[in-house]
């Protein structure tokens, strides 16, 4: 039920295996059918947060439903609302390393 896989699209950030993909484009994806909620501490189930932390991702920012994670020179923005999750590459941090 709570299984995750590292996503190449999101620089190894974990993605729930059983989530229903709603929308996907370069650097962004949204999912439904998950036990996420904006009323939780960071919106994500504890096991998901632990899996991302074990993968080296650090929570660096949170405001409302938005939580930002960083690992090395990569930054991922996660928005968790009731039964909805969006994950996107934060280009602001990622692009500054390519100049």
PDB file of N, CA and C in Angstrom:
ATOM      1  N   UNK A   1       0.816  -1.198   0.000  1.00  0.00           N
ATOM      2  CA  UNK A   1       0.000   0.000   0.000  1.00  0.00           C
ATOM      3  C   UNK A   1       0.857   1.260   0.000  1.00  0.00           C
ATOM      4  N   UNK A   2       1.883   1.323   0.857  1.00  0.00           N
ATOM      5  CA  UNK A   2       2.751   2.491   0.916  1.00  0.00           C
ATOM      6  C   UNK A   2       4.096   2.161   0.294  1.00  0.00           C
ATOM      7  N   UNK A   3       4.118   1.950  -1.017  1.00  0.00           N
ATOM      8  CA  UNK A   3       5.384   1.681  -1.674  1.00  0.00           C
ATOM      9  C   UNK A   3       5.712   2.838  -2.610  1.00  0.00           C
ATOM     10  N   UNK A   4       6.983   3.113  -2.708  1.00  0.00           N
ATOM     11  CA  UNK A   4       7.444   4.266  -3.467  1.00  0.00           C
ATOM     12  C   UNK A   4       8.578   3.845  -4.386  1.00  0.00           C
ATOM     13  N   UNK A   5       8.782   4.626  -5.444  1.00  0.00           N
ATOM     14  CA  UNK A   5       9.901   4.401  -6.331  1.00  0.00           C
ATOM     15  C   UNK A   5      10.577   5.733  -6.604  1.00  0.00           C
ATOM     16  N   UNK A   6      11.889   5.694  -6.762  1.00  0.00           N
ATOM     17  CA  UNK A   6      12.617   6.915  -7.075  1.00  0.00           C
ATOM     18  C   UNK A   6      12.320   7.300  -8.520  1.00  0.00           C
ATOM     19  N   UNK A   7      12.031   8.552  -8.731  1.00  0.00           N
ATOM     20  CA  UNK A   7      11.655   9.038 -10.047  1.00  0.00           C
ATOM     21  C   UNK A   7      12.830   9.719 -10.733  1.00  0.00           C
ATOM     22  N   UNK A   8      13.154   9.279 -11.943  1.00  0.00           N
ATOM     23  CA  UNK A   8      14.195   9.948 -12.726  1.00  0.00           C
ATOM     24  C   UNK A   8      13.747  11.361 -13.097  1.00  0.00           C
ATOM     25  N   UNK A   9      12.466  11.511 -13.351  1.00  0.00           N
ATOM     26  CA  UNK A   9      11.908  12.814 -13.724  1.00  0.00           C
ATOM     27  C   UNK A   9      12.138  13.848 -12.630  1.00  0.00           C
ATOM     28  N   UNK A  10      12.127  13.372 -11.363  1.00  0.00           N
ATOM     29  CA  UNK A  10      12.271  14.273 -10.227  1.00  0.00           C
ATOM     30  C   UNK A  10      13.568  14.023  -9.468  1.00  0.00           C
ATOM     31  N   UNK A  11      14.620  13.709 -10.188  1.00  0.00           N
ATOM     32  CA  UNK A  11      15.969  13.588  -9.625  1.00  0.00           C
ATOM     33  C   UNK A  11      16.047  12.615  -8.451  1.00  0.00           C
ATOM     34  N   UNK A  12      15.269  11.535  -8.523  1.00  0.00           N
ATOM     35  CA  UNK A  12      15.293  10.524  -7.478  1.00  0.00           C
ATOM     36  C   UNK A  12      14.310  10.739  -6.350  1.00  0.00           C
ATOM     37  N   UNK A  13      13.511  11.804  -6.400  1.00  0.00           N
ATOM     38  CA  UNK A  13      12.507  12.025  -5.361  1.00  0.00           C
ATOM     39  C   UNK A  13      11.480  10.904  -5.433  1.00  0.00           C
ATOM     40  N   UNK A  14      11.044  10.362  -4.286  1.00  0.00           N
ATOM     41  CA  UNK A  14      10.122   9.227  -4.310  1.00  0.00           C
ATOM     42  C   UNK A  14       8.713   9.594  -4.784  1.00  0.00           C
ATOM     43  N   UNK A  15       8.144   8.670  -5.553  1.00  0.00           N
ATOM     44  CA  UNK A  15       6.790   8.809  -6.071  1.00  0.00           C
ATOM     45  C   UNK A  15       5.981   7.601  -5.609  1.00  0.00           C
ATOM     46  N   UNK A  16       4.766   7.800  -5.108  1.00  0.00           N
ATOM     47  CA  UNK A  16       3.945   6.656  -4.708  1.00  0.00           C
ATOM     48  C   UNK A  16       3.643   5.761  -5.916  1.00  0.00           C
ATOM     49  N   UNK A  17       3.924   4.460  -5.797  1.00  0.00           N
ATOM     50  CA  UNK A  17       3.725   3.531  -6.910  1.00  0.00           C
ATOM     51  C   UNK A  17       2.264   3.389  -7.299  1.00  0.00           C
ATOM     52  N   UNK A  18       1.349   3.482  -6.358  1.00  0.00           N
ATOM     53  CA  UNK A  18      -0.055   3.201  -6.638  1.00  0.00           C
ATOM     54  C   UNK A  18      -0.901   4.462  -6.831  1.00  0.00           C
ATOM     55  N   UNK A  19      -0.244   5.582  -7.029  1.00  0.00           N
ATOM     56  CA  UNK A  19      -0.983   6.818  -7.263  1.00  0.00           C
ATOM     57  C   UNK A  19      -1.511   6.844  -8.691  1.00  0.00           C
ATOM     58  N   UNK A  20      -2.631   7.494  -8.872  1.00  0.00           N
ATOM     59  CA  UNK A  20      -3.199   7.645 -10.206  1.00  0.00           C
ATOM     60  C   UNK A  20      -2.681   8.952 -10.816  1.00  0.00           C
ATOM     61  N   UNK A  21      -1.940   8.834 -11.907  1.00  0.00           N
ATOM     62  CA  UNK A  21      -1.392  10.008 -12.580  1.00  0.00           C
ATOM     63  C   UNK A  21      -2.525  10.785 -13.242  1.00  0.00           C
ATOM     64  N   UNK A  22      -2.639  12.065 -12.892  1.00  0.00           N
ATOM     65  CA  UNK A  22      -3.692  12.913 -13.457  1.00  0.00           C
ATOM     66  C   UNK A  22      -3.157  13.771 -14.596  1.00  0.00           C
ATOM     67  N   UNK A  23      -1.943  14.288 -14.409  1.00  0.00           N
ATOM     68  CA  UNK A  23      -1.375  15.225 -15.372  1.00  0.00           C
ATOM     69  C   UNK A  23       0.139  15.105 -15.304  1.00  0.00           C
ATOM     70  N   UNK A  24       0.786  15.197 -16.445  1.00  0.00           N
ATOM     71  CA  UNK A  24       2.238  15.135 -16.462  1.00  0.00           C
ATOM     72  C   UNK A  24       2.774  15.972 -17.613  1.00  0.00           C
ATOM     73  N   UNK A  25       3.813  16.703 -17.325  1.00  0.00           N
ATOM     74  CA  UNK A  25       4.550  17.454 -18.346  1.00  0.00           C
ATOM     75  C   UNK A  25       5.975  17.585 -17.842  1.00  0.00           C
ATOM     76  N   UNK A  26       6.824  18.181 -18.606  1.00  0.00           N
ATOM     77  CA  UNK A  26       8.230  18.290 -18.215  1.00  0.00           C
ATOM     78  C   UNK A  26       8.352  18.942 -16.839  1.00  0.00           C
ATOM     79  N   UNK A  27       8.967  18.228 -15.913  1.00  0.00           N
ATOM     80  CA  UNK A  27       9.231  18.780 -14.592  1.00  0.00           C
ATOM     81  C   UNK A  27       8.048  18.877 -13.661  1.00  0.00           C
ATOM     82  N   UNK A  28       6.913  18.267 -14.017  1.00  0.00           N
ATOM     83  CA  UNK A  28       5.716  18.365 -13.181  1.00  0.00           C
ATOM     84  C   UNK A  28       4.851  17.128 -13.359  1.00  0.00           C
ATOM     85  N   UNK A  29       4.201  16.711 -12.283  1.00  0.00           N
ATOM     86  CA  UNK A  29       3.188  15.655 -12.341  1.00  0.00           C
ATOM     87  C   UNK A  29       2.223  15.849 -11.192  1.00  0.00           C
ATOM     88  N   UNK A  30       0.964  15.480 -11.424  1.00  0.00           N
ATOM     89  CA  UNK A  30      -0.027  15.513 -10.356  1.00  0.00           C
ATOM     90  C   UNK A  30      -0.686  14.146 -10.267  1.00  0.00           C
ATOM     91  N   UNK A  31      -1.052  13.788  -9.029  1.00  0.00           N
ATOM     92  CA  UNK A  31      -1.577  12.464  -8.738  1.00  0.00           C
ATOM     93  C   UNK A  31      -2.812  12.577  -7.862  1.00  0.00           C
ATOM     94  N   UNK A  32      -3.683  11.568  -7.958  1.00  0.00           N
ATOM     95  CA  UNK A  32      -4.842  11.483  -7.071  1.00  0.00           C
ATOM     96  C   UNK A  32      -4.881  10.097  -6.456  1.00  0.00           C
ATOM     97  N   UNK A  33      -5.840   9.911  -5.546  1.00  0.00           N
ATOM     98  CA  UNK A  33      -6.006   8.612  -4.915  1.00  0.00           C
ATOM     99  C   UNK A  33      -4.981   8.313  -3.839  1.00  0.00           C
ATOM    100  N   UNK A  34      -4.507   9.340  -3.165  1.00  0.00           N
ATOM    101  CA  UNK A  34      -3.487   9.180  -2.137  1.00  0.00           C
ATOM    102  C   UNK A  34      -4.010   9.630  -0.784  1.00  0.00           C
ATOM    103  N   UNK A  35      -3.421   9.096   0.262  1.00  0.00           N
ATOM    104  CA  UNK A  35      -3.790   9.487   1.627  1.00  0.00           C
ATOM    105  C   UNK A  35      -2.971  10.707   2.039  1.00  0.00           C
ATOM    106  N   UNK A  36      -3.129  11.797   1.313  1.00  0.00           N
ATOM    107  CA  UNK A  36      -2.448  13.047   1.645  1.00  0.00           C
ATOM    108  C   UNK A  36      -3.506  14.073   2.016  1.00  0.00           C
ATOM    109  N   UNK A  37      -3.091  15.088   2.762  1.00  0.00           N
ATOM    110  CA  UNK A  37      -4.026  16.115   3.192  1.00  0.00           C
ATOM    111  C   UNK A  37      -3.261  17.348   3.628  1.00  0.00           C
ATOM    112  N   UNK A  38      -3.800  18.510   3.295  1.00  0.00           N
ATOM    113  CA  UNK A  38      -3.161  19.754   3.731  1.00  0.00           C
ATOM    114  C   UNK A  38      -3.279  19.962   5.229  1.00  0.00           C
ATOM    115  N   UNK A  39      -4.104  19.182   5.899  1.00  0.00           N
ATOM    116  CA  UNK A  39      -4.253  19.334   7.342  1.00  0.00           C
ATOM    117  C   UNK A  39      -3.175  18.577   8.130  1.00  0.00           C
ATOM    118  N   UNK A  40      -2.420  17.687   7.483  1.00  0.00           N
ATOM    119  CA  UNK A  40      -1.318  16.994   8.155  1.00  0.00           C
ATOM    120  C   UNK A  40      -0.149  17.941   8.300  1.00  0.00           C
ATOM    121  N   UNK A  41       0.828  17.576   9.118  1.00  0.00           N
ATOM    122  CA  UNK A  41       1.966  18.455   9.400  1.00  0.00           C
ATOM    123  C   UNK A  41       2.623  18.962   8.125  1.00  0.00           C
ATOM    124  N   UNK A  42       3.006  18.071   7.226  1.00  0.00           N
ATOM    125  CA  UNK A  42       3.567  18.524   5.956  1.00  0.00           C
ATOM    126  C   UNK A  42       2.774  17.965   4.782  1.00  0.00           C
ATOM    127  N   UNK A  43       1.551  17.484   5.058  1.00  0.00           N
ATOM    128  CA  UNK A  43       0.676  17.008   4.008  1.00  0.00           C
ATOM    129  C   UNK A  43       0.895  15.574   3.593  1.00  0.00           C
ATOM    130  N   UNK A  44       2.053  15.025   3.894  1.00  0.00           N
ATOM    131  CA  UNK A  44       2.395  13.685   3.444  1.00  0.00           C
ATOM    132  C   UNK A  44       2.266  12.668   4.572  1.00  0.00           C
ATOM    133  N   UNK A  45       1.918  11.425   4.226  1.00  0.00           N
ATOM    134  CA  UNK A  45       1.920  10.382   5.257  1.00  0.00           C
ATOM    135  C   UNK A  45       3.320  10.247   5.865  1.00  0.00           C
ATOM    136  N   UNK A  46       3.396   9.885   7.123  1.00  0.00           N
ATOM    137  CA  UNK A  46       4.680   9.760   7.817  1.00  0.00           C
ATOM    138  C   UNK A  46       5.647   8.847   7.065  1.00  0.00           C
ATOM    139  N   UNK A  47       5.168   7.721   6.566  1.00  0.00           N
ATOM    140  CA  UNK A  47       6.047   6.781   5.872  1.00  0.00           C
ATOM    141  C   UNK A  47       6.642   7.409   4.609  1.00  0.00           C
ATOM    142  N   UNK A  48       5.867   8.261   3.928  1.00  0.00           N
ATOM    143  CA  UNK A  48       6.361   8.961   2.733  1.00  0.00           C
ATOM    144  C   UNK A  48       7.470   9.938   3.137  1.00  0.00           C
ATOM    145  N   UNK A  49       7.226  10.696   4.189  1.00  0.00           N
ATOM    146  CA  UNK A  49       8.239  11.643   4.673  1.00  0.00           C
ATOM    147  C   UNK A  49       9.520  10.926   5.081  1.00  0.00           C
ATOM    148  N   UNK A  50       9.372   9.782   5.756  1.00  0.00           N
ATOM    149  CA  UNK A  50      10.548   9.009   6.161  1.00  0.00           C
ATOM    150  C   UNK A  50      11.294   8.452   4.957  1.00  0.00           C
ATOM    151  N   UNK A  51      10.557   8.033   3.931  1.00  0.00           N
ATOM    152  CA  UNK A  51      11.187   7.491   2.720  1.00  0.00           C
ATOM    153  C   UNK A  51      11.982   8.580   1.995  1.00  0.00           C
ATOM    154  N   UNK A  52      11.425   9.771   1.902  1.00  0.00           N
ATOM    155  CA  UNK A  52      12.149  10.863   1.241  1.00  0.00           C
ATOM    156  C   UNK A  52      13.386  11.257   2.045  1.00  0.00           C
ATOM    157  N   UNK A  53      13.257  11.283   3.367  1.00  0.00           N
ATOM    158  CA  UNK A  53      14.398  11.612   4.228  1.00  0.00           C
ATOM    159  C   UNK A  53      15.496  10.551   4.102  1.00  0.00           C
ATOM    160  N   UNK A  54      15.107   9.274   4.061  1.00  0.00           N
ATOM    161  CA  UNK A  54      16.088   8.196   3.902  1.00  0.00           C
ATOM    162  C   UNK A  54      16.804   8.283   2.557  1.00  0.00           C
ATOM    163  N   UNK A  55      16.134   8.865   1.566  1.00  0.00           N
ATOM    164  CA  UNK A  55      16.737   9.045   0.250  1.00  0.00           C
ATOM    165  C   UNK A  55      17.617  10.274   0.158  1.00  0.00           C
ATOM    166  N   UNK A  56      17.792  10.988   1.280  1.00  0.00           N
ATOM    167  CA  UNK A  56      18.678  12.146   1.289  1.00  0.00           C
ATOM    168  C   UNK A  56      17.996  13.481   1.073  1.00  0.00           C
ATOM    169  N   UNK A  57      16.681  13.511   0.969  1.00  0.00           N
ATOM    170  CA  UNK A  57      15.953  14.759   0.754  1.00  0.00           C
ATOM    171  C   UNK A  57      15.690  15.447   2.090  1.00  0.00           C
ATOM    172  N   UNK A  58      15.957  16.754   2.131  1.00  0.00           N
ATOM    173  CA  UNK A  58      15.724  17.552   3.338  1.00  0.00           C
ATOM    174  C   UNK A  58      14.609  18.545   3.083  1.00  0.00           C
ATOM    175  N   UNK A  59      13.678  18.643   4.037  1.00  0.00           N
ATOM    176  CA  UNK A  59      12.628  19.644   3.946  1.00  0.00           C
ATOM    177  C   UNK A  59      13.254  20.995   4.263  1.00  0.00           C
ATOM    178  N   UNK A  60      13.139  21.955   3.333  1.00  0.00           N
ATOM    179  CA  UNK A  60      13.776  23.253   3.522  1.00  0.00           C
ATOM    180  C   UNK A  60      12.798  24.415   3.615  1.00  0.00           C
ATOM    181  N   UNK A  61      11.541  24.179   3.239  1.00  0.00           N
ATOM    182  CA  UNK A  61      10.567  25.269   3.269  1.00  0.00           C
ATOM    183  C   UNK A  61       9.172  24.671   3.332  1.00  0.00           C
ATOM    184  N   UNK A  62       8.284  25.351   4.057  1.00  0.00           N
ATOM    185  CA  UNK A  62       6.887  24.939   4.073  1.00  0.00           C
ATOM    186  C   UNK A  62       6.004  26.148   4.285  1.00  0.00           C
ATOM    187  N   UNK A  63       4.966  26.242   3.467  1.00  0.00           N
ATOM    188  CA  UNK A  63       3.966  27.289   3.627  1.00  0.00           C
ATOM    189  C   UNK A  63       2.645  26.735   3.117  1.00  0.00           C
ATOM    190  N   UNK A  64       1.699  26.592   4.002  1.00  0.00           N
ATOM    191  CA  UNK A  64       0.413  26.019   3.623  1.00  0.00           C
ATOM    192  C   UNK A  64       0.596  24.599   3.110  1.00  0.00           C
ATOM    193  N   UNK A  65       0.033  24.324   1.949  1.00  0.00           N
ATOM    194  CA  UNK A  65       0.092  22.986   1.366  1.00  0.00           C
ATOM    195  C   UNK A  65       1.409  22.718   0.635  1.00  0.00           C
ATOM    196  N   UNK A  66       2.257  23.741   0.479  1.00  0.00           N
ATOM    197  CA  UNK A  66       3.528  23.612  -0.253  1.00  0.00           C
ATOM    198  C   UNK A  66       4.673  23.251   0.689  1.00  0.00           C
ATOM    199  N   UNK A  67       5.407  22.214   0.319  1.00  0.00           N
ATOM    200  CA  UNK A  67       6.630  21.841   1.029  1.00  0.00           C
ATOM    201  C   UNK A  67       7.733  21.702  -0.006  1.00  0.00           C
ATOM    202  N   UNK A  68       8.898  22.268   0.283  1.00  0.00           N
ATOM    203  CA  UNK A  68      10.031  22.181  -0.620  1.00  0.00           C
ATOM    204  C   UNK A  68      11.094  21.287  -0.008  1.00  0.00           C
ATOM    205  N   UNK A  69      11.639  20.409  -0.852  1.00  0.00           N
ATOM    206  CA  UNK A  69      12.698  19.480  -0.446  1.00  0.00           C
ATOM    207  C   UNK A  69      13.926  19.735  -1.304  1.00  0.00           C
ATOM    208  N   UNK A  70      15.108  19.572  -0.698  1.00  0.00           N
ATOM    209  CA  UNK A  70      16.359  19.732  -1.437  1.00  0.00           C
ATOM    210  C   UNK A  70      17.273  18.545  -1.202  1.00  0.00           C
ATOM    211  N   UNK A  71      18.035  18.234  -2.243  1.00  0.00           N
ATOM    212  CA  UNK A  71      19.067  17.207  -2.174  1.00  0.00           C
ATOM    213  C   UNK A  71      20.146  17.620  -3.164  1.00  0.00           C
ATOM    214  N   UNK A  72      21.329  17.886  -2.636  1.00  0.00           N
ATOM    215  CA  UNK A  72      22.401  18.358  -3.527  1.00  0.00           C
ATOM    216  C   UNK A  72      21.988  19.647  -4.200  1.00  0.00           C
ATOM    217  N   UNK A  73      22.084  19.671  -5.524  1.00  0.00           N
ATOM    218  CA  UNK A  73      21.702  20.882  -6.254  1.00  0.00           C
ATOM    219  C   UNK A  73      20.309  20.762  -6.875  1.00  0.00           C
ATOM    220  N   UNK A  74      19.448  19.928  -6.274  1.00  0.00           N
ATOM    221  CA  UNK A  74      18.092  19.747  -6.772  1.00  0.00           C
ATOM    222  C   UNK A  74      17.083  20.192  -5.720  1.00  0.00           C
ATOM    223  N   UNK A  75      16.018  20.811  -6.202  1.00  0.00           N
ATOM    224  CA  UNK A  75      14.939  21.264  -5.329  1.00  0.00           C
ATOM    225  C   UNK A  75      13.617  20.801  -5.933  1.00  0.00           C
ATOM    226  N   UNK A  76      12.776  20.210  -5.095  1.00  0.00           N
ATOM    227  CA  UNK A  76      11.473  19.708  -5.516  1.00  0.00           C
ATOM    228  C   UNK A  76      10.393  20.381  -4.675  1.00  0.00           C
ATOM    229  N   UNK A  77       9.349  20.866  -5.335  1.00  0.00           N
ATOM    230  CA  UNK A  77       8.193  21.440  -4.651  1.00  0.00           C
ATOM    231  C   UNK A  77       7.077  20.408  -4.651  1.00  0.00           C
ATOM    232  N   UNK A  78       6.495  20.168  -3.480  1.00  0.00           N
ATOM    233  CA  UNK A  78       5.403  19.211  -3.324  1.00  0.00           C
ATOM    234  C   UNK A  78       4.204  19.951  -2.745  1.00  0.00           C
ATOM    235  N   UNK A  79       3.062  19.819  -3.407  1.00  0.00           N
ATOM    236  CA  UNK A  79       1.822  20.373  -2.896  1.00  0.00           C
ATOM    237  C   UNK A  79       0.918  19.204  -2.556  1.00  0.00           C
ATOM    238  N   UNK A  80       0.535  19.120  -1.286  1.00  0.00           N
ATOM    239  CA  UNK A  80      -0.325  18.033  -0.811  1.00  0.00           C
ATOM    240  C   UNK A  80      -1.638  18.617  -0.330  1.00  0.00           C
ATOM    241  N   UNK A  81      -2.701  18.286  -1.027  1.00  0.00           N
ATOM    242  CA  UNK A  81      -4.043  18.660  -0.619  1.00  0.00           C
ATOM    243  C   UNK A  81      -4.836  17.369  -0.483  1.00  0.00           C
ATOM    244  N   UNK A  82      -6.024  17.433   0.057  1.00  0.00           N
ATOM    245  CA  UNK A  82      -6.800  16.221   0.295  1.00  0.00           C
ATOM    246  C   UNK A  82      -6.934  15.388  -0.977  1.00  0.00           C
ATOM    247  N   UNK A  83      -6.362  14.176  -0.934  1.00  0.00           N
ATOM    248  CA  UNK A  83      -6.385  13.212  -2.040  1.00  0.00           C
ATOM    249  C   UNK A  83      -5.733  13.718  -3.330  1.00  0.00           C
ATOM    250  N   UNK A  84      -4.870  14.717  -3.237  1.00  0.00           N
ATOM    251  CA  UNK A  84      -4.201  15.286  -4.410  1.00  0.00           C
ATOM    252  C   UNK A  84      -2.757  15.593  -4.054  1.00  0.00           C
ATOM    253  N   UNK A  85      -1.855  15.250  -4.959  1.00  0.00           N
ATOM    254  CA  UNK A  85      -0.432  15.511  -4.753  1.00  0.00           C
ATOM    255  C   UNK A  85       0.157  16.011  -6.061  1.00  0.00           C
ATOM    256  N   UNK A  86       0.871  17.116  -6.016  1.00  0.00           N
ATOM    257  CA  UNK A  86       1.601  17.569  -7.199  1.00  0.00           C
ATOM    258  C   UNK A  86       3.074  17.680  -6.828  1.00  0.00           C
ATOM    259  N   UNK A  87       3.910  17.298  -7.767  1.00  0.00           N
ATOM    260  CA  UNK A  87       5.352  17.325  -7.575  1.00  0.00           C
ATOM    261  C   UNK A  87       5.948  18.049  -8.766  1.00  0.00           C
ATOM    262  N   UNK A  88       6.812  19.004  -8.479  1.00  0.00           N
ATOM    263  CA  UNK A  88       7.425  19.764  -9.557  1.00  0.00           C
ATOM    264  C   UNK A  88       8.864  20.095  -9.250  1.00  0.00           C
ATOM    265  N   UNK A  89       9.669  20.133 -10.296  1.00  0.00           N
ATOM    266  CA  UNK A  89      11.057  20.550 -10.174  1.00  0.00           C
ATOM    267  C   UNK A  89      11.066  22.058 -10.012  1.00  0.00           C
ATOM    268  N   UNK A  90      11.738  22.546  -8.994  1.00  0.00           N
ATOM    269  CA  UNK A  90      11.858  23.976  -8.767  1.00  0.00           C
ATOM    270  C   UNK A  90      13.031  24.461  -9.605  1.00  0.00           C
ATOM    271  N   UNK A  91      12.729  25.078 -10.729  1.00  0.00           N
ATOM    272  CA  UNK A  91      13.760  25.493 -11.689  1.00  0.00           C
ATOM    273  C   UNK A  91      14.641  26.615 -11.164  1.00  0.00           C
ATOM    274  N   UNK A  92      14.156  27.382 -10.205  1.00  0.00           N
ATOM    275  CA  UNK A  92      14.932  28.504  -9.673  1.00  0.00           C
ATOM    276  C   UNK A  92      16.280  28.036  -9.139  1.00  0.00           C
ATOM    277  N   UNK A  93      16.278  27.016  -8.294  1.00  0.00           N
ATOM    278  CA  UNK A  93      17.530  26.491  -7.745  1.00  0.00           C
ATOM    279  C   UNK A  93      18.286  25.692  -8.786  1.00  0.00           C
ATOM    280  N   UNK A  94      17.578  24.823  -9.511  1.00  0.00           N
ATOM    281  CA  UNK A  94      18.233  23.926 -10.437  1.00  0.00           C
ATOM    282  C   UNK A  94      18.949  24.672 -11.560  1.00  0.00           C
ATOM    283  N   UNK A  95      18.378  25.769 -12.046  1.00  0.00           N
ATOM    284  CA  UNK A  95      18.978  26.472 -13.182  1.00  0.00           C
ATOM    285  C   UNK A  95      20.230  27.242 -12.792  1.00  0.00           C
ATOM    286  N   UNK A  96      20.359  27.684 -11.553  1.00  0.00           N
ATOM    287  CA  UNK A  96      21.528  28.490 -11.192  1.00  0.00           C
ATOM    288  C   UNK A  96      22.822  27.681 -11.211  1.00  0.00           C
ATOM    289  N   UNK A  97      22.726  26.368 -11.203  1.00  0.00           N
ATOM    290  CA  UNK A  97      23.918  25.537 -11.223  1.00  0.00           C
ATOM    291  C   UNK A  97      24.420  25.274 -12.641  1.00  0.00           C
ATOM    292  N   UNK A  98      23.711  25.768 -13.642  1.00  0.00           N
ATOM    293  CA  UNK A  98      24.105  25.492 -15.019  1.00  0.00           C
ATOM    294  C   UNK A  98      24.663  26.713 -15.734  1.00  0.00           C
ATOM    295  N   UNK A  99      24.906  27.800 -15.021  1.00  0.00           N
ATOM    296  CA  UNK A  99      25.460  29.000 -15.645  1.00  0.00           C
ATOM    297  C   UNK A  99      26.960  29.034 -15.528  1.00  0.00           C
TER     298      UNK A  99
END
